[in-house]
N, C-alpha and C. Protein backbone atom coordinates (compact mmCIF):
# COMPACT_ATOMS: atom_id res chain seq x y z
N MET A 1 74.39 15.65 -57.52
CA MET A 1 74.99 15.74 -56.20
C MET A 1 73.92 15.39 -55.16
N PRO A 2 74.21 14.52 -54.21
CA PRO A 2 73.22 14.13 -53.20
C PRO A 2 72.94 15.27 -52.22
N PHE A 3 71.78 15.16 -51.57
CA PHE A 3 71.43 16.13 -50.54
C PHE A 3 72.33 15.95 -49.33
N THR A 4 72.68 17.06 -48.71
CA THR A 4 73.43 17.00 -47.46
C THR A 4 72.45 17.13 -46.30
N ARG A 5 72.91 16.83 -45.09
CA ARG A 5 72.07 17.00 -43.91
C ARG A 5 71.63 18.46 -43.80
N GLN A 6 72.49 19.40 -44.13
CA GLN A 6 72.15 20.82 -44.09
C GLN A 6 70.99 21.11 -45.05
N ASP A 7 71.04 20.54 -46.26
CA ASP A 7 69.95 20.73 -47.22
C ASP A 7 68.63 20.24 -46.63
N LEU A 8 68.66 19.05 -46.04
CA LEU A 8 67.44 18.47 -45.48
C LEU A 8 66.92 19.29 -44.31
N ASN A 9 67.80 19.84 -43.49
CA ASN A 9 67.37 20.66 -42.36
C ASN A 9 66.71 21.95 -42.83
N GLU A 10 67.09 22.45 -43.98
CA GLU A 10 66.53 23.69 -44.51
C GLU A 10 65.31 23.45 -45.39
N TRP A 11 64.99 22.18 -45.65
CA TRP A 11 63.86 21.83 -46.51
C TRP A 11 62.56 22.27 -45.84
N LEU A 12 61.63 22.79 -46.65
CA LEU A 12 60.32 23.15 -46.12
C LEU A 12 59.67 21.92 -45.50
N LEU A 13 59.05 22.10 -44.35
CA LEU A 13 58.41 20.97 -43.70
C LEU A 13 57.19 20.50 -44.45
N ASP A 14 56.42 21.43 -44.96
CA ASP A 14 55.18 21.07 -45.65
C ASP A 14 54.97 21.96 -46.86
N LEU A 15 54.32 21.41 -47.85
CA LEU A 15 53.95 22.16 -49.04
C LEU A 15 52.45 21.93 -49.24
N PRO A 16 51.60 22.90 -48.86
CA PRO A 16 50.15 22.70 -48.88
C PRO A 16 49.54 22.82 -50.28
N GLU A 17 49.96 21.94 -51.15
CA GLU A 17 49.42 21.94 -52.52
C GLU A 17 49.61 20.56 -53.14
N VAL A 18 48.93 20.34 -54.24
CA VAL A 18 49.05 19.08 -54.98
C VAL A 18 50.43 19.06 -55.65
N ILE A 19 51.17 17.97 -55.42
CA ILE A 19 52.51 17.86 -55.99
C ILE A 19 52.67 16.71 -56.98
N TYR A 20 51.66 15.81 -57.04
CA TYR A 20 51.81 14.63 -57.90
C TYR A 20 50.45 13.96 -58.09
N PHE A 21 50.24 13.41 -59.29
CA PHE A 21 49.07 12.58 -59.57
C PHE A 21 49.55 11.19 -59.95
N ASP A 22 48.92 10.18 -59.38
CA ASP A 22 49.28 8.82 -59.78
C ASP A 22 48.43 8.39 -60.98
N TYR A 23 48.64 7.18 -61.44
CA TYR A 23 47.96 6.65 -62.62
C TYR A 23 46.44 6.70 -62.49
N TYR A 24 45.94 6.58 -61.27
CA TYR A 24 44.49 6.53 -61.03
C TYR A 24 43.86 7.90 -60.80
N GLY A 25 44.68 8.95 -60.78
CA GLY A 25 44.16 10.29 -60.56
C GLY A 25 44.14 10.71 -59.11
N ASN A 26 44.71 9.90 -58.22
CA ASN A 26 44.83 10.31 -56.82
C ASN A 26 45.84 11.44 -56.75
N ALA A 27 45.56 12.42 -55.90
CA ALA A 27 46.40 13.62 -55.82
C ALA A 27 47.20 13.64 -54.53
N MET A 28 48.50 13.50 -54.64
CA MET A 28 49.37 13.57 -53.48
C MET A 28 49.69 15.03 -53.19
N THR A 29 49.63 15.39 -51.91
CA THR A 29 50.01 16.74 -51.52
C THR A 29 51.39 16.71 -50.87
N GLY A 30 51.92 17.87 -50.62
CA GLY A 30 53.19 17.99 -49.92
C GLY A 30 53.02 18.18 -48.43
N LEU A 31 51.83 17.90 -47.93
CA LEU A 31 51.57 18.02 -46.49
C LEU A 31 51.85 16.70 -45.80
N ARG A 32 52.73 16.74 -44.80
CA ARG A 32 52.96 15.55 -43.99
C ARG A 32 51.80 15.39 -43.00
N TYR A 33 51.33 14.15 -42.84
CA TYR A 33 50.25 13.89 -41.90
C TYR A 33 50.71 14.20 -40.48
N GLN A 34 49.83 14.83 -39.72
CA GLN A 34 50.05 15.08 -38.30
C GLN A 34 48.80 14.66 -37.55
N ASP A 35 48.95 14.19 -36.33
CA ASP A 35 47.80 13.75 -35.54
C ASP A 35 46.74 14.84 -35.43
N GLN A 36 47.14 16.09 -35.44
CA GLN A 36 46.18 17.19 -35.31
C GLN A 36 45.26 17.31 -36.53
N PHE A 37 45.58 16.63 -37.63
CA PHE A 37 44.72 16.66 -38.82
C PHE A 37 43.52 15.72 -38.69
N ALA A 38 43.61 14.74 -37.80
CA ALA A 38 42.53 13.76 -37.64
C ALA A 38 41.23 14.48 -37.29
N GLY A 39 40.16 14.13 -38.00
CA GLY A 39 38.86 14.73 -37.74
C GLY A 39 38.66 16.09 -38.37
N ARG A 40 39.62 16.52 -39.15
CA ARG A 40 39.48 17.82 -39.83
C ARG A 40 39.02 17.63 -41.26
N ILE A 41 38.49 18.69 -41.79
CA ILE A 41 38.05 18.71 -43.18
C ILE A 41 39.14 19.37 -44.01
N LEU A 42 39.44 18.78 -45.15
CA LEU A 42 40.39 19.36 -46.09
C LEU A 42 39.61 20.21 -47.07
N ARG A 43 40.06 21.42 -47.29
CA ARG A 43 39.40 22.32 -48.24
C ARG A 43 40.26 22.40 -49.50
N VAL A 44 39.61 22.12 -50.64
CA VAL A 44 40.29 22.15 -51.94
C VAL A 44 39.33 22.73 -52.96
N ASN A 45 39.73 23.79 -53.64
CA ASN A 45 38.87 24.40 -54.68
C ASN A 45 37.45 24.65 -54.17
N ASP A 46 37.33 25.23 -53.00
CA ASP A 46 36.03 25.54 -52.38
C ASP A 46 35.18 24.30 -52.12
N ARG A 47 35.79 23.15 -52.07
CA ARG A 47 35.09 21.92 -51.71
C ARG A 47 35.62 21.45 -50.36
N VAL A 48 34.79 20.73 -49.63
CA VAL A 48 35.23 20.16 -48.36
C VAL A 48 35.33 18.65 -48.51
N ILE A 49 36.42 18.09 -48.01
CA ILE A 49 36.70 16.68 -48.18
C ILE A 49 37.00 16.08 -46.81
N ARG A 50 36.28 15.03 -46.47
CA ARG A 50 36.45 14.38 -45.18
C ARG A 50 37.49 13.26 -45.25
N GLN A 51 38.00 12.91 -44.10
CA GLN A 51 38.99 11.85 -43.99
C GLN A 51 38.32 10.48 -44.01
N ALA A 52 39.00 9.51 -44.60
CA ALA A 52 38.63 8.10 -44.52
C ALA A 52 39.92 7.29 -44.49
N ASP A 53 39.88 6.17 -43.82
CA ASP A 53 41.08 5.34 -43.72
C ASP A 53 41.28 4.44 -44.93
N THR A 54 40.17 4.09 -45.60
CA THR A 54 40.25 3.20 -46.76
C THR A 54 39.25 3.65 -47.82
N PHE A 55 39.43 3.16 -49.02
CA PHE A 55 38.49 3.47 -50.10
C PHE A 55 37.10 2.94 -49.76
N ASN A 56 37.03 1.81 -49.06
CA ASN A 56 35.74 1.24 -48.68
C ASN A 56 35.03 2.07 -47.61
N GLY A 57 35.72 3.04 -47.04
CA GLY A 57 35.15 3.87 -45.99
C GLY A 57 34.23 4.96 -46.50
N VAL A 58 34.11 5.08 -47.83
CA VAL A 58 33.23 6.10 -48.43
C VAL A 58 32.42 5.47 -49.56
N GLU A 59 31.37 6.15 -49.94
CA GLU A 59 30.53 5.68 -51.05
C GLU A 59 31.29 5.78 -52.37
N GLU A 60 30.84 5.04 -53.37
CA GLU A 60 31.45 5.14 -54.70
C GLU A 60 31.36 6.57 -55.21
N HIS A 61 32.43 7.02 -55.84
CA HIS A 61 32.55 8.34 -56.46
C HIS A 61 32.61 9.48 -55.44
N GLN A 62 32.80 9.14 -54.17
CA GLN A 62 32.95 10.17 -53.13
C GLN A 62 34.42 10.45 -52.90
N ALA A 63 34.76 11.74 -52.77
CA ALA A 63 36.14 12.15 -52.51
C ALA A 63 36.43 12.03 -51.01
N PHE A 64 37.68 11.75 -50.71
CA PHE A 64 38.14 11.70 -49.32
C PHE A 64 39.64 11.93 -49.30
N TRP A 65 40.17 12.16 -48.10
CA TRP A 65 41.62 12.28 -47.96
C TRP A 65 42.10 11.23 -46.96
N TYR A 66 43.36 10.86 -47.09
CA TYR A 66 43.94 9.87 -46.20
C TYR A 66 45.45 10.07 -46.12
N LYS A 67 46.05 9.41 -45.14
CA LYS A 67 47.51 9.40 -45.01
C LYS A 67 48.04 8.28 -45.89
N ASN A 68 48.89 8.63 -46.85
CA ASN A 68 49.40 7.59 -47.75
C ASN A 68 50.62 6.88 -47.14
N SER A 69 51.17 5.94 -47.86
CA SER A 69 52.28 5.13 -47.34
C SER A 69 53.56 5.92 -47.16
N SER A 70 53.62 7.12 -47.74
CA SER A 70 54.78 8.00 -47.55
C SER A 70 54.57 8.96 -46.39
N GLY A 71 53.40 8.89 -45.74
CA GLY A 71 53.11 9.78 -44.63
C GLY A 71 52.58 11.13 -45.07
N LEU A 72 52.20 11.25 -46.34
CA LEU A 72 51.67 12.50 -46.87
C LEU A 72 50.16 12.43 -47.02
N ILE A 73 49.52 13.59 -47.03
CA ILE A 73 48.08 13.66 -47.26
C ILE A 73 47.82 13.44 -48.74
N GLU A 74 46.91 12.52 -49.03
CA GLU A 74 46.55 12.22 -50.41
C GLU A 74 45.04 12.33 -50.57
N ILE A 75 44.62 12.84 -51.71
CA ILE A 75 43.20 13.03 -52.02
C ILE A 75 42.82 12.00 -53.07
N ALA A 76 41.71 11.30 -52.82
CA ALA A 76 41.28 10.25 -53.73
C ALA A 76 39.77 10.28 -53.88
N VAL A 77 39.28 9.55 -54.87
CA VAL A 77 37.85 9.34 -55.08
C VAL A 77 37.65 7.84 -55.22
N ASN A 78 36.73 7.29 -54.44
CA ASN A 78 36.45 5.86 -54.52
C ASN A 78 35.88 5.53 -55.91
N LYS A 79 36.59 4.70 -56.64
CA LYS A 79 36.22 4.30 -58.00
C LYS A 79 36.07 5.50 -58.93
N GLY A 80 36.97 6.48 -58.74
CA GLY A 80 36.96 7.67 -59.58
C GLY A 80 38.33 8.30 -59.64
N ASN A 81 38.42 9.42 -60.33
CA ASN A 81 39.66 10.14 -60.55
C ASN A 81 39.56 11.48 -59.83
N ALA A 82 40.31 11.64 -58.75
CA ALA A 82 40.25 12.87 -57.95
C ALA A 82 40.67 14.09 -58.75
N GLY A 83 41.70 13.94 -59.57
CA GLY A 83 42.16 15.07 -60.38
C GLY A 83 41.07 15.63 -61.26
N GLN A 84 40.35 14.74 -61.94
CA GLN A 84 39.27 15.17 -62.83
C GLN A 84 38.04 15.62 -62.06
N GLN A 85 37.60 14.83 -61.10
CA GLN A 85 36.35 15.12 -60.39
C GLN A 85 36.42 16.41 -59.58
N LEU A 86 37.60 16.73 -59.05
CA LEU A 86 37.75 17.91 -58.19
C LEU A 86 38.45 19.07 -58.89
N ASP A 87 38.67 18.94 -60.19
CA ASP A 87 39.35 19.99 -60.98
C ASP A 87 40.71 20.36 -60.37
N LEU A 88 41.50 19.35 -60.06
CA LEU A 88 42.80 19.57 -59.44
C LEU A 88 43.89 19.66 -60.50
N GLU A 89 44.90 20.44 -60.20
CA GLU A 89 46.08 20.56 -61.05
C GLU A 89 47.29 20.56 -60.14
N LEU A 90 48.46 20.34 -60.70
CA LEU A 90 49.67 20.51 -59.91
C LEU A 90 49.70 21.94 -59.38
N GLY A 91 49.94 22.09 -58.10
CA GLY A 91 49.98 23.41 -57.49
C GLY A 91 48.67 23.86 -56.87
N THR A 92 47.58 23.10 -57.06
CA THR A 92 46.31 23.45 -56.42
C THR A 92 46.52 23.45 -54.91
N GLU A 93 46.14 24.55 -54.25
CA GLU A 93 46.35 24.68 -52.81
C GLU A 93 45.31 23.89 -52.02
N VAL A 94 45.75 23.38 -50.88
CA VAL A 94 44.87 22.67 -49.95
C VAL A 94 45.06 23.24 -48.55
N SER A 95 44.01 23.17 -47.74
CA SER A 95 44.12 23.64 -46.35
C SER A 95 43.15 22.86 -45.48
N PHE A 96 43.45 22.80 -44.19
CA PHE A 96 42.59 22.12 -43.24
C PHE A 96 41.76 23.12 -42.47
N LYS A 97 40.57 22.68 -42.06
CA LYS A 97 39.74 23.48 -41.17
C LYS A 97 39.13 22.55 -40.13
N LEU A 98 38.79 23.09 -38.99
CA LEU A 98 38.16 22.30 -37.94
C LEU A 98 36.73 22.00 -38.32
N ILE A 99 36.24 20.85 -37.90
CA ILE A 99 34.83 20.49 -38.14
C ILE A 99 33.96 21.30 -37.20
């Protein structure tokens, strides 16, 4: 049965945890990007992760977060696997903090 407008209106706006891993080990979260996230550090498993717009914006094997094509916060590692390098699992919580 398809979702109704009522279902969508009652849907949680954000889910601050890892919800999906792609083939490369990038970790998609359920957090929708908001302008207020710009310049903030993402905290995951007691690690701090800075924002970058592209993979080339960080050194090799460095973790970063970015807004993906779906408008969600995604965690990646340049030429690496974020899931493995950061010990991430489905349901791992994420949060933002001010720099």
